[in-house]
PDB file of N, CA and C in Angstrom:
ATOM      1  N   MET A   1      67.331  91.014 129.515  1.00  0.00           N
ATOM      2  CA  MET A   1      67.609  89.386 129.264  1.00  0.00           C
ATOM      3  C   MET A   1      66.199  88.698 129.041  1.00  0.00           C
ATOM      4  N   HIS A   2      65.126  88.993 129.939  1.00  0.00           N
ATOM      5  CA  HIS A   2      64.095  88.527 129.885  1.00  0.00           C
ATOM      6  C   HIS A   2      63.361  88.466 128.596  1.00  0.00           C
ATOM      7  N   THR A   3      63.565  89.493 127.971  1.00  0.00           N
ATOM      8  CA  THR A   3      62.757  89.930 126.714  1.00  0.00           C
ATOM      9  C   THR A   3      63.505  89.025 125.722  1.00  0.00           C
ATOM     10  N   SER A   4      64.600  88.915 125.743  1.00  0.00           N
ATOM     11  CA  SER A   4      65.483  88.320 124.756  1.00  0.00           C
ATOM     12  C   SER A   4      65.047  86.617 124.692  1.00  0.00           C
ATOM     13  N   ASN A   5      64.980  86.060 126.220  1.00  0.00           N
ATOM     14  CA  ASN A   5      64.596  84.872 126.533  1.00  0.00           C
ATOM     15  C   ASN A   5      63.319  84.346 125.908  1.00  0.00           C
ATOM     16  N   THR A   6      62.330  85.418 126.105  1.00  0.00           N
ATOM     17  CA  THR A   6      61.038  85.234 125.717  1.00  0.00           C
ATOM     18  C   THR A   6      60.869  85.104 124.080  1.00  0.00           C
ATOM     19  N   THR A   7      61.607  86.134 123.590  1.00  0.00           N
ATOM     20  CA  THR A   7      61.641  86.223 122.151  1.00  0.00           C
ATOM     21  C   THR A   7      62.141  84.971 121.271  1.00  0.00           C
ATOM     22  N   SER A   8      63.207  84.475 122.263  1.00  0.00           N
ATOM     23  CA  SER A   8      63.558  83.020 121.670  1.00  0.00           C
ATOM     24  C   SER A   8      62.715  81.980 122.052  1.00  0.00           C
ATOM     25  N   ASN A   9      62.043  81.882 122.983  1.00  0.00           N
ATOM     26  CA  ASN A   9      60.962  80.917 123.234  1.00  0.00           C
ATOM     27  C   ASN A   9      59.714  81.080 122.244  1.00  0.00           C
ATOM     28  N   ILE A  10      59.589  82.384 121.644  1.00  0.00           N
ATOM     29  CA  ILE A  10      58.391  82.346 120.706  1.00  0.00           C
ATOM     30  C   ILE A  10      58.949  81.859 119.356  1.00  0.00           C
ATOM     31  N   ILE A  11      60.117  82.339 119.004  1.00  0.00           N
ATOM     32  CA  ILE A  11      60.738  81.769 117.819  1.00  0.00           C
ATOM     33  C   ILE A  11      60.680  80.353 117.873  1.00  0.00           C
ATOM     34  N   ILE A  12      61.148  79.614 118.609  1.00  0.00           N
ATOM     35  CA  ILE A  12      61.027  78.163 118.932  1.00  0.00           C
ATOM     36  C   ILE A  12      59.913  77.668 118.850  1.00  0.00           C
ATOM     37  N   ILE A  13      58.738  78.214 119.257  1.00  0.00           N
ATOM     38  CA  ILE A  13      57.569  77.770 119.327  1.00  0.00           C
ATOM     39  C   ILE A  13      57.017  77.974 118.077  1.00  0.00           C
ATOM     40  N   MET A  14      57.078  78.897 117.236  1.00  0.00           N
ATOM     41  CA  MET A  14      56.884  79.266 115.788  1.00  0.00           C
ATOM     42  C   MET A  14      57.404  78.107 115.006  1.00  0.00           C
ATOM     43  N   ILE A  15      58.802  77.868 115.137  1.00  0.00           N
ATOM     44  CA  ILE A  15      59.368  76.695 114.400  1.00  0.00           C
ATOM     45  C   ILE A  15      58.838  75.118 114.410  1.00  0.00           C
ATOM     46  N   VAL A  16      58.435  75.085 115.862  1.00  0.00           N
ATOM     47  CA  VAL A  16      57.723  73.827 115.923  1.00  0.00           C
ATOM     48  C   VAL A  16      56.321  73.814 115.526  1.00  0.00           C
ATOM     49  N   ILE A  17      55.685  74.632 115.507  1.00  0.00           N
ATOM     50  CA  ILE A  17      54.459  74.889 114.939  1.00  0.00           C
ATOM     51  C   ILE A  17      54.609  74.589 113.435  1.00  0.00           C
ATOM     52  N   LYS A  18      55.476  75.478 112.572  1.00  0.00           N
ATOM     53  CA  LYS A  18      55.804  75.216 111.415  1.00  0.00           C
ATOM     54  C   LYS A  18      56.022  73.806 111.008  1.00  0.00           C
ATOM     55  N   ILE A  19      56.832  73.125 111.793  1.00  0.00           N
ATOM     56  CA  ILE A  19      57.276  71.958 111.615  1.00  0.00           C
ATOM     57  C   ILE A  19      55.943  70.679 111.605  1.00  0.00           C
ATOM     58  N   ILE A  20      55.289  70.943 112.736  1.00  0.00           N
ATOM     59  CA  ILE A  20      53.903  70.204 112.828  1.00  0.00           C
ATOM     60  C   ILE A  20      53.137  70.358 111.627  1.00  0.00           C
ATOM     61  N   ILE A  21      52.864  71.600 111.196  1.00  0.00           N
ATOM     62  CA  ILE A  21      52.192  71.918 110.034  1.00  0.00           C
ATOM     63  C   ILE A  21      52.597  71.250 108.631  1.00  0.00           C
ATOM     64  N   LEU A  22      53.933  71.022 108.695  1.00  0.00           N
ATOM     65  CA  LEU A  22      54.763  70.679 107.341  1.00  0.00           C
ATOM     66  C   LEU A  22      54.223  69.092 107.410  1.00  0.00           C
ATOM     67  N   SER A  23      54.706  68.443 108.935  1.00  0.00           N
ATOM     68  CA  SER A  23      54.467  66.992 109.001  1.00  0.00           C
ATOM     69  C   SER A  23      53.070  66.755 108.655  1.00  0.00           C
ATOM     70  N   MET A  24      51.909  67.491 109.204  1.00  0.00           N
ATOM     71  CA  MET A  24      50.628  67.031 108.719  1.00  0.00           C
ATOM     72  C   MET A  24      50.356  67.372 107.280  1.00  0.00           C
ATOM     73  N   SER A  25      50.739  68.237 106.548  1.00  0.00           N
ATOM     74  CA  SER A  25      50.606  68.340 105.291  1.00  0.00           C
ATOM     75  C   SER A  25      51.017  66.949 104.537  1.00  0.00           C
ATOM     76  N   ILE A  26      52.386  66.764 104.758  1.00  0.00           N
ATOM     77  CA  ILE A  26      52.714  65.470 104.163  1.00  0.00           C
ATOM     78  C   ILE A  26      52.062  64.402 104.584  1.00  0.00           C
ATOM     79  N   ILE A  27      51.574  64.093 105.588  1.00  0.00           N
ATOM     80  CA  ILE A  27      50.653  62.945 105.812  1.00  0.00           C
ATOM     81  C   ILE A  27      49.544  63.120 105.433  1.00  0.00           C
ATOM     82  N   ILE A  28      48.862  64.258 104.958  1.00  0.00           N
ATOM     83  CA  ILE A  28      47.553  64.425 104.160  1.00  0.00           C
ATOM     84  C   ILE A  28      47.918  63.866 102.839  1.00  0.00           C
ATOM     85  N   ILE A  29      48.897  64.672 102.349  1.00  0.00           N
ATOM     86  CA  ILE A  29      49.343  64.582 100.917  1.00  0.00           C
ATOM     87  C   ILE A  29      49.532  62.908 100.622  1.00  0.00           C
ATOM     88  N   SER A  30      50.164  62.290 101.538  1.00  0.00           N
ATOM     89  CA  SER A  30      50.447  60.845 101.462  1.00  0.00           C
ATOM     90  C   SER A  30      48.891  59.985 101.639  1.00  0.00           C
ATOM     91  N   ILE A  31      48.046  60.283 102.169  1.00  0.00           N
ATOM     92  CA  ILE A  31      46.861  59.489 102.507  1.00  0.00           C
ATOM     93  C   ILE A  31      45.988  59.815 101.096  1.00  0.00           C
ATOM     94  N   ILE A  32      46.106  61.036 100.527  1.00  0.00           N
ATOM     95  CA  ILE A  32      45.556  61.211  99.293  1.00  0.00           C
ATOM     96  C   ILE A  32      46.015  60.478  98.045  1.00  0.00           C
ATOM     97  N   ILE A  33      47.499  60.337  98.149  1.00  0.00           N
ATOM     98  CA  ILE A  33      48.035  59.506  97.087  1.00  0.00           C
ATOM     99  C   ILE A  33      47.763  58.077  97.207  1.00  0.00           C
ATOM    100  N   ILE A  34      47.623  57.624  98.830  1.00  0.00           N
ATOM    101  CA  ILE A  34      47.318  56.236  99.001  1.00  0.00           C
ATOM    102  C   ILE A  34      45.999  55.820  98.438  1.00  0.00           C
ATOM    103  N   SER A  35      44.979  56.870  98.616  1.00  0.00           N
ATOM    104  CA  SER A  35      43.703  56.623  98.127  1.00  0.00           C
ATOM    105  C   SER A  35      43.778  56.692  96.669  1.00  0.00           C
ATOM    106  N   ILE A  36      44.239  57.350  96.166  1.00  0.00           N
ATOM    107  CA  ILE A  36      44.374  57.531  94.641  1.00  0.00           C
ATOM    108  C   ILE A  36      44.774  56.093  94.142  1.00  0.00           C
ATOM    109  N   ILE A  37      45.771  55.684  94.610  1.00  0.00           N
ATOM    110  CA  ILE A  37      46.407  54.143  94.301  1.00  0.00           C
ATOM    111  C   ILE A  37      45.256  52.981  94.635  1.00  0.00           C
ATOM    112  N   ILE A  38      44.687  53.093  95.765  1.00  0.00           N
ATOM    113  CA  ILE A  38      43.952  52.114  95.970  1.00  0.00           C
ATOM    114  C   ILE A  38      42.431  52.420  95.005  1.00  0.00           C
ATOM    115  N   SER A  39      42.173  53.550  94.800  1.00  0.00           N
ATOM    116  CA  SER A  39      41.117  53.527  93.494  1.00  0.00           C
ATOM    117  C   SER A  39      41.434  52.782  92.215  1.00  0.00           C
ATOM    118  N   ILE A  40      42.786  53.137  91.971  1.00  0.00           N
ATOM    119  CA  ILE A  40      43.129  52.392  90.822  1.00  0.00           C
ATOM    120  C   ILE A  40      43.421  51.104  90.569  1.00  0.00           C
ATOM    121  N   ILE A  41      43.727  50.492  91.786  1.00  0.00           N
ATOM    122  CA  ILE A  41      43.562  49.219  91.816  1.00  0.00           C
ATOM    123  C   ILE A  41      42.390  48.732  91.672  1.00  0.00           C
ATOM    124  N   ILE A  42      41.393  49.389  92.526  1.00  0.00           N
ATOM    125  CA  ILE A  42      40.160  48.754  92.577  1.00  0.00           C
ATOM    126  C   ILE A  42      39.528  48.705  91.116  1.00  0.00           C
ATOM    127  N   SER A  43      39.719  50.021  90.252  1.00  0.00           N
ATOM    128  CA  SER A  43      39.477  49.993  88.949  1.00  0.00           C
ATOM    129  C   SER A  43      39.917  48.762  87.953  1.00  0.00           C
ATOM    130  N   ILE A  44      41.148  48.722  88.214  1.00  0.00           N
ATOM    131  CA  ILE A  44      41.631  47.546  87.534  1.00  0.00           C
ATOM    132  C   ILE A  44      41.341  46.009  87.840  1.00  0.00           C
ATOM    133  N   ILE A  45      40.854  45.987  89.156  1.00  0.00           N
ATOM    134  CA  ILE A  45      40.203  44.738  89.493  1.00  0.00           C
ATOM    135  C   ILE A  45      38.855  44.497  88.939  1.00  0.00           C
ATOM    136  N   ILE A  46      37.906  45.734  88.859  1.00  0.00           N
ATOM    137  CA  ILE A  46      36.606  45.668  88.314  1.00  0.00           C
ATOM    138  C   ILE A  46      36.624  45.487  86.881  1.00  0.00           C
ATOM    139  N   ILE A  47      37.510  46.058  86.258  1.00  0.00           N
ATOM    140  CA  ILE A  47      37.624  45.660  84.884  1.00  0.00           C
ATOM    141  C   ILE A  47      38.207  44.346  84.566  1.00  0.00           C
ATOM    142  N   GLN A  48      39.162  43.829  84.990  1.00  0.00           N
ATOM    143  CA  GLN A  48      39.531  42.425  84.935  1.00  0.00           C
ATOM    144  C   GLN A  48      38.328  41.614  85.222  1.00  0.00           C
ATOM    145  N   ASN A  49      37.752  41.881  86.337  1.00  0.00           N
ATOM    146  CA  ASN A  49      36.468  40.768  86.657  1.00  0.00           C
ATOM    147  C   ASN A  49      35.402  41.025  85.487  1.00  0.00           C
ATOM    148  N   ALA A  50      35.165  42.200  85.135  1.00  0.00           N
ATOM    149  CA  ALA A  50      34.225  42.202  83.845  1.00  0.00           C
ATOM    150  C   ALA A  50      34.509  41.530  82.682  1.00  0.00           C
ATOM    151  N   LYS A  51      35.779  41.356  82.473  1.00  0.00           N
ATOM    152  CA  LYS A  51      36.539  40.479  81.272  1.00  0.00           C
ATOM    153  C   LYS A  51      35.943  39.209  81.486  1.00  0.00           C
ATOM    154  N   VAL A  52      36.289  38.597  82.717  1.00  0.00           N
ATOM    155  CA  VAL A  52      36.401  37.327  83.178  1.00  0.00           C
ATOM    156  C   VAL A  52      34.845  36.857  82.990  1.00  0.00           C
ATOM    157  N   TYR A  53      33.984  37.622  83.518  1.00  0.00           N
ATOM    158  CA  TYR A  53      32.788  37.350  83.736  1.00  0.00           C
ATOM    159  C   TYR A  53      31.555  37.845  82.328  1.00  0.00           C
ATOM    160  N   SER A  54      32.363  37.984  81.432  1.00  0.00           N
ATOM    161  CA  SER A  54      31.494  38.805  80.088  1.00  0.00           C
ATOM    162  C   SER A  54      30.688  37.538  79.572  1.00  0.00           C
ATOM    163  N   THR A  55      29.787  38.039  79.013  1.00  0.00           N
ATOM    164  CA  THR A  55      28.777  36.846  78.519  1.00  0.00           C
ATOM    165  C   THR A  55      29.049  36.449  77.137  1.00  0.00           C
ATOM    166  N   ARG A  56      30.459  36.932  76.436  1.00  0.00           N
ATOM    167  CA  ARG A  56      30.843  36.686  75.096  1.00  0.00           C
ATOM    168  C   ARG A  56      30.862  35.029  74.821  1.00  0.00           C
ATOM    169  N   TYR A  57      31.314  34.272  75.842  1.00  0.00           N
ATOM    170  CA  TYR A  57      31.590  33.071  75.672  1.00  0.00           C
ATOM    171  C   TYR A  57      30.544  32.101  76.446  1.00  0.00           C
ATOM    172  N   SER A  58      29.655  32.611  77.080  1.00  0.00           N
ATOM    173  CA  SER A  58      28.528  31.936  77.900  1.00  0.00           C
ATOM    174  C   SER A  58      27.543  31.287  76.803  1.00  0.00           C
ATOM    175  N   GLN A  59      26.947  29.914  77.305  1.00  0.00           N
ATOM    176  CA  GLN A  59      25.883  29.566  76.526  1.00  0.00           C
ATOM    177  C   GLN A  59      24.705  30.088  76.934  1.00  0.00           C
ATOM    178  N   ALA A  60      23.751  30.379  75.887  1.00  0.00           N
ATOM    179  CA  ALA A  60      22.422  30.711  76.407  1.00  0.00           C
ATOM    180  C   ALA A  60      21.633  29.788  76.575  1.00  0.00           C
ATOM    181  N   VAL A  61      20.761  29.715  77.594  1.00  0.00           N
ATOM    182  CA  VAL A  61      19.768  28.650  77.878  1.00  0.00           C
ATOM    183  C   VAL A  61      18.556  29.120  77.033  1.00  0.00           C
ATOM    184  N   THR A  62      18.014  28.626  76.369  1.00  0.00           N
ATOM    185  CA  THR A  62      16.926  28.985  75.457  1.00  0.00           C
ATOM    186  C   THR A  62      15.562  28.366  76.206  1.00  0.00           C
ATOM    187  N   HIS A  63      14.445  29.081  76.009  1.00  0.00           N
ATOM    188  CA  HIS A  63      13.232  28.582  76.428  1.00  0.00           C
ATOM    189  C   HIS A  63      12.565  27.379  75.628  1.00  0.00           C
ATOM    190  N   PRO A  64      12.177  26.426  76.463  1.00  0.00           N
ATOM    191  CA  PRO A  64      11.963  25.081  75.665  1.00  0.00           C
ATOM    192  C   PRO A  64      10.731  25.269  74.563  1.00  0.00           C
ATOM    193  N   SER A  65       9.985  26.373  74.697  1.00  0.00           N
ATOM    194  CA  SER A  65       9.012  26.523  73.509  1.00  0.00           C
ATOM    195  C   SER A  65       9.946  26.924  72.102  1.00  0.00           C
ATOM    196  N   THR A  66      11.043  27.300  72.052  1.00  0.00           N
ATOM    197  CA  THR A  66      11.833  27.409  70.902  1.00  0.00           C
ATOM    198  C   THR A  66      12.635  26.259  70.232  1.00  0.00           C
ATOM    199  N   ASN A  67      12.495  24.907  70.853  1.00  0.00           N
ATOM    200  CA  ASN A  67      13.249  24.069  70.521  1.00  0.00           C
ATOM    201  C   ASN A  67      13.005  23.496  69.031  1.00  0.00           C
ATOM    202  N   ARG A  68      11.710  23.585  68.742  1.00  0.00           N
ATOM    203  CA  ARG A  68      11.377  23.416  67.246  1.00  0.00           C
ATOM    204  C   ARG A  68      12.259  24.386  66.219  1.00  0.00           C
ATOM    205  N   ALA A  69      12.067  25.642  66.567  1.00  0.00           N
ATOM    206  CA  ALA A  69      12.758  26.580  66.023  1.00  0.00           C
ATOM    207  C   ALA A  69      14.106  26.563  65.670  1.00  0.00           C
ATOM    208  N   ARG A  70      14.839  26.012  66.850  1.00  0.00           N
ATOM    209  CA  ARG A  70      16.269  26.142  67.063  1.00  0.00           C
ATOM    210  C   ARG A  70      16.558  24.568  66.066  1.00  0.00           C
ATOM    211  N   ARG A  71      15.908  23.725  66.187  1.00  0.00           N
ATOM    212  CA  ARG A  71      16.110  22.375  65.003  1.00  0.00           C
ATOM    213  C   ARG A  71      16.175  22.863  63.625  1.00  0.00           C
ATOM    214  N   CYS A  72      14.944  23.635  63.353  1.00  0.00           N
ATOM    215  CA  CYS A  72      15.061  23.899  62.039  1.00  0.00           C
ATOM    216  C   CYS A  72      16.141  25.173  61.715  1.00  0.00           C
ATOM    217  N   LEU A  73      16.637  25.892  62.559  1.00  0.00           N
ATOM    218  CA  LEU A  73      17.876  26.790  62.425  1.00  0.00           C
ATOM    219  C   LEU A  73      19.199  25.900  62.125  1.00  0.00           C
ATOM    220  N   THR A  74      19.221  25.170  63.142  1.00  0.00           N
ATOM    221  CA  THR A  74      20.712  24.475  62.819  1.00  0.00           C
ATOM    222  C   THR A  74      20.761  23.561  61.561  1.00  0.00           C
ATOM    223  N   SER A  75      19.666  23.091  61.120  1.00  0.00           N
ATOM    224  CA  SER A  75      19.649  22.444  59.914  1.00  0.00           C
ATOM    225  C   SER A  75      19.500  23.324  58.759  1.00  0.00           C
ATOM    226  N   VAL A  76      19.315  24.508  58.783  1.00  0.00           N
ATOM    227  CA  VAL A  76      19.395  25.569  57.864  1.00  0.00           C
ATOM    228  C   VAL A  76      21.075  25.944  57.499  1.00  0.00           C
ATOM    229  N   ILE A  77      21.562  26.094  59.176  1.00  0.00           N
ATOM    230  CA  ILE A  77      22.829  26.687  58.925  1.00  0.00           C
ATOM    231  C   ILE A  77      23.873  25.343  58.559  1.00  0.00           C
ATOM    232  N   GLY A  78      23.533  24.321  58.930  1.00  0.00           N
ATOM    233  CA  GLY A  78      24.373  23.132  58.645  1.00  0.00           C
ATOM    234  C   GLY A  78      24.963  22.634  59.959  1.00  0.00           C
ATOM    235  N   ARG A  79      24.481  22.771  61.060  1.00  0.00           N
ATOM    236  CA  ARG A  79      25.265  22.427  62.013  1.00  0.00           C
ATOM    237  C   ARG A  79      24.369  21.097  62.722  1.00  0.00           C
ATOM    238  N   GLU A  80      25.093  20.435  63.562  1.00  0.00           N
ATOM    239  CA  GLU A  80      24.471  19.487  64.030  1.00  0.00           C
ATOM    240  C   GLU A  80      23.247  19.731  64.753  1.00  0.00           C
ATOM    241  N   PRO A  81      22.170  19.024  65.075  1.00  0.00           N
ATOM    242  CA  PRO A  81      20.843  19.414  65.552  1.00  0.00           C
ATOM    243  C   PRO A  81      21.038  19.687  66.891  1.00  0.00           C
ATOM    244  N   VAL A  82      20.507  20.313  67.829  1.00  0.00           N
ATOM    245  CA  VAL A  82      20.593  20.566  68.964  1.00  0.00           C
ATOM    246  C   VAL A  82      19.427  19.816  69.764  1.00  0.00           C
ATOM    247  N   PHE A  83      19.821  18.946  70.680  1.00  0.00           N
ATOM    248  CA  PHE A  83      18.714  18.238  71.187  1.00  0.00           C
ATOM    249  C   PHE A  83      18.373  18.638  72.639  1.00  0.00           C
ATOM    250  N   SER A  84      17.347  18.912  73.147  1.00  0.00           N
ATOM    251  CA  SER A  84      17.233  19.383  74.709  1.00  0.00           C
ATOM    252  C   SER A  84      16.965  18.209  75.278  1.00  0.00           C
ATOM    253  N   THR A  85      17.314  18.513  76.777  1.00  0.00           N
ATOM    254  CA  THR A  85      17.130  17.438  77.812  1.00  0.00           C
ATOM    255  C   THR A  85      16.235  17.850  78.616  1.00  0.00           C
TER     256      THR A  85
END
């Protein structure tokens, strides 16, 4: 009777260990999935910020020594002259 009882205990312990290992695996997989989702969100935010802060629509600040050349170019192109302050 003692051997049967010991065998039952060993089987129960093995089942508990398998459940713990399975639970840990699920937790690790969940952490990996969450990390991937966070990485994707960060990438999307970085891409959106790059579009917001692009220099496409920004005004360039020219060096004062180029003022005469700018006035000449604007008259050639047909735009209003640019006056520096």
